[in-house]
C-alpha atoms as a PDB file:
ATOM      1  CA  MET A   1      12.888 -24.598  90.864  1.00  0.00           C
ATOM      2  CA  GLU A   2       9.663 -24.445  91.744  1.00  0.00           C
ATOM      3  CA  SER A   3       7.016 -27.154  92.952  1.00  0.00           C
ATOM      4  CA  ASP A   4       5.712 -30.305  91.764  1.00  0.00           C
ATOM      5  CA  SER A   5       2.574 -29.084  93.560  1.00  0.00           C
ATOM      6  CA  SER A   6       2.130 -26.657  91.158  1.00  0.00           C
ATOM      7  CA  PRO A   7       2.921 -27.475  87.499  1.00  0.00           C
ATOM      8  CA  PHE A   8       4.235 -25.215  85.018  1.00  0.00           C
ATOM      9  CA  ASN A   9       4.755 -25.688  81.119  1.00  0.00           C
ATOM     10  CA  CYS A  10       7.826 -27.539  79.552  1.00  0.00           C
ATOM     11  CA  SER A  11      10.063 -26.089  77.138  1.00  0.00           C
ATOM     12  CA  THR A  12       8.919 -27.484  73.565  1.00  0.00           C
ATOM     13  CA  LYS A  13      11.885 -30.501  73.639  1.00  0.00           C
ATOM     14  CA  TYR A  14      10.985 -31.878  76.928  1.00  0.00           C
ATOM     15  CA  SER A  15       6.918 -31.940  75.750  1.00  0.00           C
ATOM     16  CA  LEU A  16       5.698 -34.758  73.954  1.00  0.00           C
ATOM     17  CA  ALA A  17       2.421 -33.689  73.068  1.00  0.00           C
ATOM     18  CA  ASP A  18       3.238 -34.172  69.770  1.00  0.00           C
ATOM     19  CA  PHE A  19       4.059 -37.842  70.165  1.00  0.00           C
ATOM     20  CA  LYS A  20       1.015 -38.488  72.475  1.00  0.00           C
ATOM     21  CA  THR A  21       0.330 -42.188  71.141  1.00  0.00           C
ATOM     22  CA  GLU A  22       3.486 -43.340  71.500  1.00  0.00           C
ATOM     23  CA  ALA A  23       4.061 -41.448  74.742  1.00  0.00           C
ATOM     24  CA  LEU A  24       1.134 -43.864  75.791  1.00  0.00           C
ATOM     25  CA  VAL A  25       2.639 -46.857  74.422  1.00  0.00           C
ATOM     26  CA  LEU A  26       5.800 -46.564  76.836  1.00  0.00           C
ATOM     27  CA  VAL A  27       3.321 -45.897  79.816  1.00  0.00           C
ATOM     28  CA  GLY A  28       1.509 -49.416  78.656  1.00  0.00           C
ATOM     29  CA  VAL A  29       4.831 -51.328  78.810  1.00  0.00           C
ATOM     30  CA  SER A  30       6.524 -49.442  82.124  1.00  0.00           C
ATOM     31  CA  ILE A  31       3.560 -50.278  84.069  1.00  0.00           C
ATOM     32  CA  SER A  32       3.073 -54.050  82.908  1.00  0.00           C
ATOM     33  CA  THR A  33       6.874 -54.212  83.381  1.00  0.00           C
ATOM     34  CA  SER A  34       6.788 -52.414  86.179  1.00  0.00           C
ATOM     35  CA  LEU A  35       4.525 -54.965  87.901  1.00  0.00           C
ATOM     36  CA  LEU A  36       6.160 -58.658  86.669  1.00  0.00           C
ATOM     37  CA  GLY A  37       9.570 -56.890  88.203  1.00  0.00           C
ATOM     38  CA  ILE A  38       7.944 -56.441  91.341  1.00  0.00           C
ATOM     39  CA  LEU A  39       6.454 -60.065  91.961  1.00  0.00           C
ATOM     40  CA  GLY A  40       9.411 -61.890  90.116  1.00  0.00           C
ATOM     41  CA  ASN A  41      12.306 -59.673  92.310  1.00  0.00           C
ATOM     42  CA  LEU A  42      10.247 -60.029  95.468  1.00  0.00           C
ATOM     43  CA  LEU A  43      10.284 -64.187  94.727  1.00  0.00           C
ATOM     44  CA  VAL A  44      13.659 -63.718  94.350  1.00  0.00           C
ATOM     45  CA  CYS A  45      14.469 -61.471  97.557  1.00  0.00           C
ATOM     46  CA  LEU A  46      12.001 -63.939  99.441  1.00  0.00           C
ATOM     47  CA  ALA A  47      14.025 -67.244  97.797  1.00  0.00           C
ATOM     48  CA  VAL A  48      17.233 -66.614  99.452  1.00  0.00           C
ATOM     49  CA  PHE A  49      16.037 -65.177 102.612  1.00  0.00           C
ATOM     50  CA  THR A  50      13.874 -68.127 103.497  1.00  0.00           C
ATOM     51  CA  THR A  51      15.420 -71.187 101.680  1.00  0.00           C
ATOM     52  CA  GLN A  52      17.918 -73.464 103.385  1.00  0.00           C
ATOM     53  CA  GLY A  53      19.718 -73.932 100.361  1.00  0.00           C
ATOM     54  CA  LEU A  54      20.028 -70.084  98.630  1.00  0.00           C
ATOM     55  CA  THR A  55      22.690 -69.499 101.224  1.00  0.00           C
ATOM     56  CA  SER A  56      26.435 -69.301  99.564  1.00  0.00           C
ATOM     57  CA  SER A  57      27.745 -65.817  98.098  1.00  0.00           C
ATOM     58  CA  PHE A  58      26.419 -66.881  94.660  1.00  0.00           C
ATOM     59  CA  HIS A  59      23.491 -66.192  95.718  1.00  0.00           C
ATOM     60  CA  TYR A  60      23.682 -63.543  98.034  1.00  0.00           C
ATOM     61  CA  PHE A  61      25.011 -61.770  95.232  1.00  0.00           C
ATOM     62  CA  ILE A  62      21.958 -62.407  93.097  1.00  0.00           C
ATOM     63  CA  LEU A  63      19.877 -61.116  96.558  1.00  0.00           C
ATOM     64  CA  SER A  64      22.055 -57.508  95.377  1.00  0.00           C
ATOM     65  CA  LEU A  65      20.913 -57.695  91.959  1.00  0.00           C
ATOM     66  CA  ALA A  66      17.306 -58.701  92.823  1.00  0.00           C
ATOM     67  CA  LEU A  67      17.410 -56.047  95.210  1.00  0.00           C
ATOM     68  CA  ALA A  68      18.948 -52.945  92.511  1.00  0.00           C
ATOM     69  CA  ASP A  69      16.239 -54.620  89.972  1.00  0.00           C
ATOM     70  CA  LEU A  70      13.444 -54.119  92.844  1.00  0.00           C
ATOM     71  CA  ALA A  71      14.040 -50.040  93.234  1.00  0.00           C
ATOM     72  CA  ILE A  72      13.845 -49.761  89.253  1.00  0.00           C
ATOM     73  CA  ALA A  73      10.689 -52.004  89.289  1.00  0.00           C
ATOM     74  CA  LEU A  74       9.015 -50.484  92.628  1.00  0.00           C
ATOM     75  CA  VAL A  75      10.332 -46.979  92.331  1.00  0.00           C
ATOM     76  CA  ASP A  76      12.045 -45.794  88.851  1.00  0.00           C
ATOM     77  CA  GLN A  77       9.672 -47.095  86.711  1.00  0.00           C
ATOM     78  CA  PRO A  78       6.412 -45.431  88.799  1.00  0.00           C
ATOM     79  CA  LEU A  79       8.333 -42.213  88.485  1.00  0.00           C
ATOM     80  CA  PHE A  80       9.052 -41.972  85.076  1.00  0.00           C
ATOM     81  CA  VAL A  81       5.433 -42.903  84.502  1.00  0.00           C
ATOM     82  CA  ALA A  82       4.679 -39.864  85.983  1.00  0.00           C
ATOM     83  CA  LEU A  83       6.962 -38.112  84.197  1.00  0.00           C
ATOM     84  CA  LEU A  84       5.858 -39.463  80.959  1.00  0.00           C
ATOM     85  CA  ILE A  85       2.364 -38.471  81.759  1.00  0.00           C
ATOM     86  CA  ARG A  86       2.975 -35.047  82.199  1.00  0.00           C
ATOM     87  CA  ARG A  87       5.475 -34.515  79.536  1.00  0.00           C
ATOM     88  CA  ILE A  88       2.242 -36.019  77.170  1.00  0.00           C
ATOM     89  CA  GLU A  89       0.335 -32.806  78.901  1.00  0.00           C
ATOM     90  CA  SER A  90       3.303 -30.464  78.645  1.00  0.00           C
ATOM     91  CA  LYS A  91       4.237 -30.356  82.226  1.00  0.00           C
ATOM     92  CA  CYS A  92       7.435 -30.724  84.343  1.00  0.00           C
ATOM     93  CA  LEU A  93       7.851 -32.272  87.410  1.00  0.00           C
ATOM     94  CA  PRO A  94      11.575 -31.538  88.283  1.00  0.00           C
ATOM     95  CA  ARG A  95      12.199 -32.910  91.896  1.00  0.00           C
ATOM     96  CA  VAL A  96       9.976 -36.132  90.881  1.00  0.00           C
ATOM     97  CA  ASP A  97      12.824 -36.174  87.496  1.00  0.00           C
ATOM     98  CA  PHE A  98      15.798 -35.833  89.957  1.00  0.00           C
ATOM     99  CA  ALA A  99      14.899 -39.046  92.368  1.00  0.00           C
ATOM    100  CA  PHE A 100      13.757 -40.636  89.055  1.00  0.00           C
ATOM    101  CA  ARG A 101      17.967 -40.263  88.002  1.00  0.00           C
ATOM    102  CA  LEU A 102      19.026 -40.769  91.327  1.00  0.00           C
ATOM    103  CA  VAL A 103      17.244 -44.135  91.611  1.00  0.00           C
ATOM    104  CA  GLY A 104      18.302 -45.170  88.155  1.00  0.00           C
ATOM    105  CA  ASN A 105      21.917 -44.046  88.092  1.00  0.00           C
ATOM    106  CA  PHE A 106      22.174 -45.989  91.656  1.00  0.00           C
ATOM    107  CA  ALA A 107      20.536 -49.269  90.773  1.00  0.00           C
ATOM    108  CA  CYS A 108      22.200 -49.397  87.096  1.00  0.00           C
ATOM    109  CA  ALA A 109      25.416 -48.872  89.379  1.00  0.00           C
ATOM    110  CA  VAL A 110      24.772 -51.482  91.524  1.00  0.00           C
ATOM    111  CA  ALA A 111      23.303 -54.073  88.537  1.00  0.00           C
ATOM    112  CA  LEU A 112      26.921 -53.471  86.782  1.00  0.00           C
ATOM    113  CA  LEU A 113      29.236 -54.132  89.444  1.00  0.00           C
ATOM    114  CA  THR A 114      27.241 -56.755  91.444  1.00  0.00           C
ATOM    115  CA  LEU A 115      27.604 -58.848  87.476  1.00  0.00           C
ATOM    116  CA  ALA A 116      31.845 -58.009  87.594  1.00  0.00           C
ATOM    117  CA  LEU A 117      31.132 -59.313  91.452  1.00  0.00           C
ATOM    118  CA  ILE A 118      29.539 -62.816  90.612  1.00  0.00           C
ATOM    119  CA  ALA A 119      31.826 -63.639  87.843  1.00  0.00           C
ATOM    120  CA  MET A 120      35.122 -62.674  90.234  1.00  0.00           C
ATOM    121  CA  ASP A 121      32.922 -65.267  92.497  1.00  0.00           C
ATOM    122  CA  ARG A 122      32.555 -67.994  89.995  1.00  0.00           C
ATOM    123  CA  CYS A 123      36.274 -67.877  89.010  1.00  0.00           C
ATOM    124  CA  LEU A 124      37.367 -68.179  92.206  1.00  0.00           C
ATOM    125  CA  PHE A 125      35.694 -70.792  92.974  1.00  0.00           C
ATOM    126  CA  VAL A 126      36.550 -72.981  89.979  1.00  0.00           C
ATOM    127  CA  ALA A 127      39.991 -71.962  90.257  1.00  0.00           C
ATOM    128  CA  LYS A 128      41.491 -74.185  92.599  1.00  0.00           C
ATOM    129  CA  LYS A 129      44.307 -72.542  93.368  1.00  0.00           C
ATOM    130  CA  PHE A 130      42.889 -69.676  95.302  1.00  0.00           C
ATOM    131  CA  ASN A 131      40.894 -70.556  99.258  1.00  0.00           C
ATOM    132  CA  TYR A 132      37.520 -69.559  98.175  1.00  0.00           C
ATOM    133  CA  LYS A 133      36.081 -69.793 101.202  1.00  0.00           C
ATOM    134  CA  ASN A 134      37.972 -67.293 102.988  1.00  0.00           C
ATOM    135  CA  THR A 135      38.047 -64.966  99.869  1.00  0.00           C
ATOM    136  CA  MET A 136      34.977 -64.609  99.234  1.00  0.00           C
ATOM    137  CA  THR A 137      32.463 -66.661 101.180  1.00  0.00           C
ATOM    138  CA  CYS A 138      33.120 -65.720 104.545  1.00  0.00           C
ATOM    139  CA  ARG A 139      33.712 -61.980 103.417  1.00  0.00           C
ATOM    140  CA  LYS A 140      30.263 -61.404 100.704  1.00  0.00           C
ATOM    141  CA  LYS A 141      28.473 -59.192 103.110  1.00  0.00           C
ATOM    142  CA  ILE A 142      31.284 -56.832 103.270  1.00  0.00           C
ATOM    143  CA  VAL A 143      31.632 -56.804  99.343  1.00  0.00           C
ATOM    144  CA  LEU A 144      27.970 -56.236  99.081  1.00  0.00           C
ATOM    145  CA  VAL A 145      28.527 -52.988 101.140  1.00  0.00           C
ATOM    146  CA  ILE A 146      31.038 -51.456  99.160  1.00  0.00           C
ATOM    147  CA  VAL A 147      29.759 -52.416  96.588  1.00  0.00           C
ATOM    148  CA  TRP A 148      25.692 -50.467  97.632  1.00  0.00           C
ATOM    149  CA  VAL A 149      28.567 -47.745  98.765  1.00  0.00           C
ATOM    150  CA  LEU A 150      30.537 -46.728  95.347  1.00  0.00           C
ATOM    151  CA  ALA A 151      26.622 -46.991  93.297  1.00  0.00           C
ATOM    152  CA  CYS A 152      25.701 -44.367  96.316  1.00  0.00           C
ATOM    153  CA  VAL A 153      29.157 -42.356  95.323  1.00  0.00           C
ATOM    154  CA  TYR A 154      28.079 -42.879  91.210  1.00  0.00           C
ATOM    155  CA  SER A 155      24.838 -41.872  91.513  1.00  0.00           C
ATOM    156  CA  VAL A 156      25.323 -38.555  93.243  1.00  0.00           C
ATOM    157  CA  SER A 157      28.337 -37.538  91.109  1.00  0.00           C
ATOM    158  CA  ARG A 158      26.079 -38.076  88.359  1.00  0.00           C
ATOM    159  CA  LEU A 159      24.200 -35.059  89.444  1.00  0.00           C
ATOM    160  CA  THR A 160      26.199 -32.843  90.976  1.00  0.00           C
ATOM    161  CA  VAL A 161      29.465 -33.528  88.571  1.00  0.00           C
ATOM    162  CA  ASP A 162      30.193 -32.187  85.149  1.00  0.00           C
ATOM    163  CA  LYS A 163      27.922 -34.480  82.727  1.00  0.00           C
ATOM    164  CA  LYS A 164      30.701 -34.765  80.387  1.00  0.00           C
ATOM    165  CA  ILE A 165      32.948 -35.524  82.724  1.00  0.00           C
ATOM    166  CA  THR A 166      31.081 -38.523  84.548  1.00  0.00           C
ATOM    167  CA  SER A 167      30.144 -39.697  80.717  1.00  0.00           C
ATOM    168  CA  TYR A 168      33.676 -40.592  80.312  1.00  0.00           C
ATOM    169  CA  LEU A 169      33.930 -42.082  83.644  1.00  0.00           C
ATOM    170  CA  THR A 170      31.023 -44.146  83.336  1.00  0.00           C
ATOM    171  CA  THR A 171      32.365 -45.431  79.962  1.00  0.00           C
ATOM    172  CA  ALA A 172      35.613 -46.298  81.825  1.00  0.00           C
ATOM    173  CA  VAL A 173      33.967 -48.640  84.631  1.00  0.00           C
ATOM    174  CA  PHE A 174      31.917 -49.758  82.200  1.00  0.00           C
ATOM    175  CA  GLY A 175      34.391 -50.961  79.759  1.00  0.00           C
ATOM    176  CA  PHE A 176      36.855 -52.375  83.018  1.00  0.00           C
ATOM    177  CA  CYS A 177      33.548 -54.726  84.278  1.00  0.00           C
ATOM    178  CA  TYR A 178      33.225 -55.740  80.487  1.00  0.00           C
ATOM    179  CA  VAL A 179      36.393 -56.755  79.921  1.00  0.00           C
ATOM    180  CA  GLU A 180      36.628 -58.507  83.766  1.00  0.00           C
ATOM    181  CA  MET A 181      33.399 -60.404  83.105  1.00  0.00           C
ATOM    182  CA  ILE A 182      34.692 -61.941  79.631  1.00  0.00           C
ATOM    183  CA  VAL A 183      38.061 -63.186  81.517  1.00  0.00           C
ATOM    184  CA  CYS A 184      36.541 -64.405  84.954  1.00  0.00           C
ATOM    185  CA  TYR A 185      34.386 -66.507  82.022  1.00  0.00           C
ATOM    186  CA  VAL A 186      36.417 -67.375  79.735  1.00  0.00           C
ATOM    187  CA  VAL A 187      38.262 -69.103  82.939  1.00  0.00           C
ATOM    188  CA  VAL A 188      35.170 -70.850  84.376  1.00  0.00           C
ATOM    189  CA  TYR A 189      34.100 -72.377  80.972  1.00  0.00           C
ATOM    190  CA  TYR A 190      37.611 -73.584  80.607  1.00  0.00           C
ATOM    191  CA  GLN A 191      38.063 -75.002  83.498  1.00  0.00           C
ATOM    192  CA  VAL A 192      33.903 -76.350  83.310  1.00  0.00           C
ATOM    193  CA  PHE A 193      35.302 -77.875  79.885  1.00  0.00           C
ATOM    194  CA  LYS A 194      38.881 -79.512  81.485  1.00  0.00           C
ATOM    195  CA  GLN A 195      36.789 -80.726  84.480  1.00  0.00           C
ATOM    196  CA  ARG A 196      34.060 -82.838  82.208  1.00  0.00           C
ATOM    197  CA  LYS A 197      36.821 -83.930  80.135  1.00  0.00           C
ATOM    198  CA  ILE A 198      38.723 -85.942  83.078  1.00  0.00           C
ATOM    199  CA  LEU A 199      35.423 -87.035  84.429  1.00  0.00           C
ATOM    200  CA  ALA A 200      34.668 -88.781  80.944  1.00  0.00           C
ATOM    201  CA  GLU A 201      38.365 -89.974  80.910  1.00  0.00           C
ATOM    202  CA  SER A 202      37.640 -91.258  84.753  1.00  0.00           C
ATOM    203  CA  ARG A 203      34.290 -93.328  83.692  1.00  0.00           C
ATOM    204  CA  HIS A 204      35.918 -94.456  80.807  1.00  0.00           C
ATOM    205  CA  ARG A 205      38.943 -95.553  82.675  1.00  0.00           C
ATOM    206  CA  ASN A 206      36.759 -96.848  85.681  1.00  0.00           C
ATOM    207  CA  THR A 207      40.046 -96.306  87.542  1.00  0.00           C
ATOM    208  CA  ARG A 208      40.415 -97.366  91.366  1.00  0.00           C
ATOM    209  CA  ASN A 209      40.885 -93.419  92.172  1.00  0.00           C
ATOM    210  CA  ASN A 210      37.302 -92.583  92.075  1.00  0.00           C
ATOM    211  CA  THR A 211      34.561 -94.172  93.519  1.00  0.00           C
ATOM    212  CA  THR A 212      30.803 -94.431  92.088  1.00  0.00           C
ATOM    213  CA  GLU A 213      29.727 -91.965  93.783  1.00  0.00           C
ATOM    214  CA  ASN A 214      32.695 -89.158  93.882  1.00  0.00           C
ATOM    215  CA  LEU A 215      32.028 -88.875  90.075  1.00  0.00           C
ATOM    216  CA  GLN A 216      28.517 -88.602  90.824  1.00  0.00           C
ATOM    217  CA  ASP A 217      29.182 -86.075  93.164  1.00  0.00           C
ATOM    218  CA  GLN A 218      31.601 -84.265  91.365  1.00  0.00           C
ATOM    219  CA  THR A 219      29.503 -84.611  88.312  1.00  0.00           C
ATOM    220  CA  GLU A 220      26.537 -83.178  89.642  1.00  0.00           C
ATOM    221  CA  SER A 221      28.980 -79.708  90.905  1.00  0.00           C
ATOM    222  CA  ASN A 222      30.396 -79.681  87.018  1.00  0.00           C
ATOM    223  CA  SER A 223      26.459 -79.515  86.012  1.00  0.00           C
ATOM    224  CA  THR A 224      25.810 -76.911  88.941  1.00  0.00           C
ATOM    225  CA  GLU A 225      28.272 -74.474  87.869  1.00  0.00           C
ATOM    226  CA  ARG A 226      27.540 -74.810  84.048  1.00  0.00           C
ATOM    227  CA  ARG A 227      24.068 -73.671  84.859  1.00  0.00           C
ATOM    228  CA  PHE A 228      25.030 -71.350  87.413  1.00  0.00           C
ATOM    229  CA  ALA A 229      27.694 -69.478  84.571  1.00  0.00           C
ATOM    230  CA  ARG A 230      25.186 -69.669  81.825  1.00  0.00           C
ATOM    231  CA  THR A 231      22.324 -67.921  83.844  1.00  0.00           C
ATOM    232  CA  ILE A 232      24.827 -64.983  84.455  1.00  0.00           C
ATOM    233  CA  VAL A 233      25.609 -64.585  80.806  1.00  0.00           C
ATOM    234  CA  MET A 234      22.084 -64.595  80.351  1.00  0.00           C
ATOM    235  CA  VAL A 235      21.619 -61.812  82.873  1.00  0.00           C
ATOM    236  CA  LEU A 236      24.599 -60.205  81.472  1.00  0.00           C
ATOM    237  CA  VAL A 237      23.315 -60.241  77.510  1.00  0.00           C
ATOM    238  CA  VAL A 238      19.553 -58.702  78.694  1.00  0.00           C
ATOM    239  CA  PHE A 239      21.826 -56.146  80.579  1.00  0.00           C
ATOM    240  CA  THR A 240      23.504 -55.044  78.097  1.00  0.00           C
ATOM    241  CA  ALA A 241      20.983 -55.359  74.987  1.00  0.00           C
ATOM    242  CA  GLY A 242      18.442 -53.087  77.622  1.00  0.00           C
ATOM    243  CA  TRP A 243      20.976 -50.842  78.543  1.00  0.00           C
ATOM    244  CA  SER A 244      23.135 -50.343  75.543  1.00  0.00           C
ATOM    245  CA  PHE A 245      21.209 -47.794  73.453  1.00  0.00           C
ATOM    246  CA  LEU A 246      20.770 -45.384  76.165  1.00  0.00           C
ATOM    247  CA  PHE A 247      23.885 -46.026  77.121  1.00  0.00           C
ATOM    248  CA  TYR A 248      25.062 -44.662  73.605  1.00  0.00           C
ATOM    249  CA  LEU A 249      22.517 -42.462  73.592  1.00  0.00           C
ATOM    250  CA  ARG A 250      24.560 -40.117  77.068  1.00  0.00           C
ATOM    251  CA  LEU A 251      27.711 -41.208  75.580  1.00  0.00           C
ATOM    252  CA  THR A 252      26.992 -39.182  72.119  1.00  0.00           C
ATOM    253  CA  GLN A 253      25.169 -36.691  73.229  1.00  0.00           C
ATOM    254  CA  PRO A 254      25.615 -36.010  77.343  1.00  0.00           C
ATOM    255  CA  GLU A 255      23.364 -32.996  76.742  1.00  0.00           C
ATOM    256  CA  VAL A 256      20.026 -34.615  75.206  1.00  0.00           C
ATOM    257  CA  ASP A 257      17.875 -35.843  77.453  1.00  0.00           C
ATOM    258  CA  TYR A 258      14.837 -35.494  76.341  1.00  0.00           C
ATOM    259  CA  GLY A 259      12.492 -36.716  72.955  1.00  0.00           C
ATOM    260  CA  ILE A 260      10.370 -39.853  71.918  1.00  0.00           C
ATOM    261  CA  LEU A 261      13.552 -42.007  70.983  1.00  0.00           C
ATOM    262  CA  TYR A 262      15.606 -40.831  74.252  1.00  0.00           C
ATOM    263  CA  ASN A 263      12.459 -41.589  76.549  1.00  0.00           C
ATOM    264  CA  THR A 264      12.088 -45.253  74.391  1.00  0.00           C
ATOM    265  CA  ALA A 265      15.284 -46.039  75.396  1.00  0.00           C
ATOM    266  CA  ARG A 266      14.664 -45.483  78.914  1.00  0.00           C
ATOM    267  CA  THR A 267      11.694 -47.603  78.715  1.00  0.00           C
ATOM    268  CA  VAL A 268      13.767 -50.231  76.903  1.00  0.00           C
ATOM    269  CA  ALA A 269      16.219 -50.001  79.767  1.00  0.00           C
ATOM    270  CA  LEU A 270      14.492 -49.979  82.813  1.00  0.00           C
ATOM    271  CA  SER A 271      12.003 -52.781  81.564  1.00  0.00           C
ATOM    272  CA  ALA A 272      14.728 -55.311  81.081  1.00  0.00           C
ATOM    273  CA  SER A 273      15.044 -55.382  85.192  1.00  0.00           C
ATOM    274  CA  ALA A 274      11.385 -57.827  85.102  1.00  0.00           C
ATOM    275  CA  ILE A 275      13.307 -60.421  82.952  1.00  0.00           C
ATOM    276  CA  ASN A 276      16.222 -61.835  85.541  1.00  0.00           C
ATOM    277  CA  PRO A 277      13.725 -63.571  87.569  1.00  0.00           C
ATOM    278  CA  LEU A 278      12.348 -65.373  84.803  1.00  0.00           C
ATOM    279  CA  LEU A 279      16.220 -66.172  83.907  1.00  0.00           C
ATOM    280  CA  TYR A 280      16.875 -67.317  87.279  1.00  0.00           C
ATOM    281  CA  CYS A 281      13.484 -69.203  87.292  1.00  0.00           C
ATOM    282  CA  PHE A 282      14.374 -70.912  83.884  1.00  0.00           C
ATOM    283  CA  ASN A 283      17.788 -72.010  84.713  1.00  0.00           C
ATOM    284  CA  ASN A 284      17.695 -72.946  87.962  1.00  0.00           C
ATOM    285  CA  ARG A 285      16.221 -75.488  89.676  1.00  0.00           C
ATOM    286  CA  GLU A 286      16.458 -74.517  93.127  1.00  0.00           C
ATOM    287  CA  TYR A 287      14.842 -70.735  92.169  1.00  0.00           C
ATOM    288  CA  ARG A 288      12.210 -72.818  90.786  1.00  0.00           C
ATOM    289  CA  ARG A 289      11.282 -74.769  93.905  1.00  0.00           C
ATOM    290  CA  ALA A 290      11.917 -72.152  96.058  1.00  0.00           C
ATOM    291  CA  PHE A 291       9.151 -69.678  93.958  1.00  0.00           C
ATOM    292  CA  LYS A 292       6.856 -72.620  94.134  1.00  0.00           C
ATOM    293  CA  THR A 293       6.899 -73.515  97.629  1.00  0.00           C
ATOM    294  CA  ILE A 294       6.599 -69.687  98.136  1.00  0.00           C
ATOM    295  CA  LEU A 295       3.227 -69.495  95.686  1.00  0.00           C
ATOM    296  CA  MET A 296       2.161 -72.484  97.503  1.00  0.00           C
ATOM    297  CA  LYS A 297       2.033 -71.194 101.199  1.00  0.00           C
ATOM    298  CA  CYS A 298       0.802 -67.809  99.984  1.00  0.00           C
ATOM    299  CA  TRP A 299      -1.651 -69.840  98.448  1.00  0.00           C
ATOM    300  CA  VAL A 300      -2.759 -71.934 101.250  1.00  0.00           C
ATOM    301  CA  GLY A 301      -2.226 -69.205 103.721  1.00  0.00           C
ATOM    302  CA  ASP A 302      -4.754 -67.032 101.787  1.00  0.00           C
ATOM    303  CA  SER A 303      -7.250 -70.142 101.325  1.00  0.00           C
ATOM    304  CA  GLN A 304      -7.151 -70.609 105.125  1.00  0.00           C
ATOM    305  CA  LYS A 305      -8.178 -67.023 105.547  1.00  0.00           C
ATOM    306  CA  ARG A 306     -11.023 -66.976 103.487  1.00  0.00           C
ATOM    307  CA  ARG A 307     -12.410 -70.450 105.573  1.00  0.00           C
ATOM    308  CA  ARG A 308     -12.333 -68.901 108.773  1.00  0.00           C
ATOM    309  CA  LYS A 309     -13.922 -65.699 107.832  1.00  0.00           C
ATOM    310  CA  GLN A 310     -17.034 -68.484 106.344  1.00  0.00           C
ATOM    311  CA  TYR A 311     -16.525 -70.133 109.465  1.00  0.00           C
ATOM    312  CA  ASP A 312     -17.056 -66.878 111.766  1.00  0.00           C
ATOM    313  CA  ARG A 313     -19.934 -65.894 109.871  1.00  0.00           C
ATOM    314  CA  ILE A 314     -21.980 -69.413 109.781  1.00  0.00           C
ATOM    315  CA  LYS A 315     -20.968 -68.904 113.592  1.00  0.00           C
END
């Protein structure tokens, strides 16, 4: 393998010299979504770390998802931009390509496993037969460590084991996770619907068993659970839409990792990570408030620094 510092010619199949305009568009899209993803996912991480009300297992799992998206925006997309620019010039960076694949596989695995974990978390929360606190809340950090270790193992094996074998493994894991998520969210929506029906009947009868305060608390909890479920379903839809084309290409043509079509699929998949913070903000007022607080603190702190500099100059 030749050094990255000494460029060498790519084989014809890897070169994007004949698709310079299209490749430059992909570069522009990658840079824009990378900056958006860095800002949005940093806000999510800061919100979970600094906001008192965002400490449940659900929000810790959102933090895991945001960190995976941040790894893509902060590391993987800049590497991808470097690869595209060099391939426009018919040059290759083999070590950069290796690092890009390693981080990309890792982040994708973390995102998928975390989404499956969030679905299970919500399902256990609404299913009253399980002890939710002992099952998830007290063990959330241990579960997340397991997810990240499994993602590391997958990322390394994807680059060291035969691609055909790992492609089948990837398909099996994707299939299992999606079935699990569908089942969990069917249970969640069924339980939420049943609870709404019970609350509606309680209001109608105005029974003595439920005080107005209890009914309001139950209604608020039911509404919050619907928002959480809707948010993650939307994240799942974006994740699926972003990665499905690339996943299809990897499954049908595991040896083909070049060309403008393949790199377009890569761009779409990586860019999806920038959308998730917008979904959290759109669906949850807790995140809107937290984002606003963080941005206001940054703005006020910056204004105070400018005033101090001006005061020091006057002195």
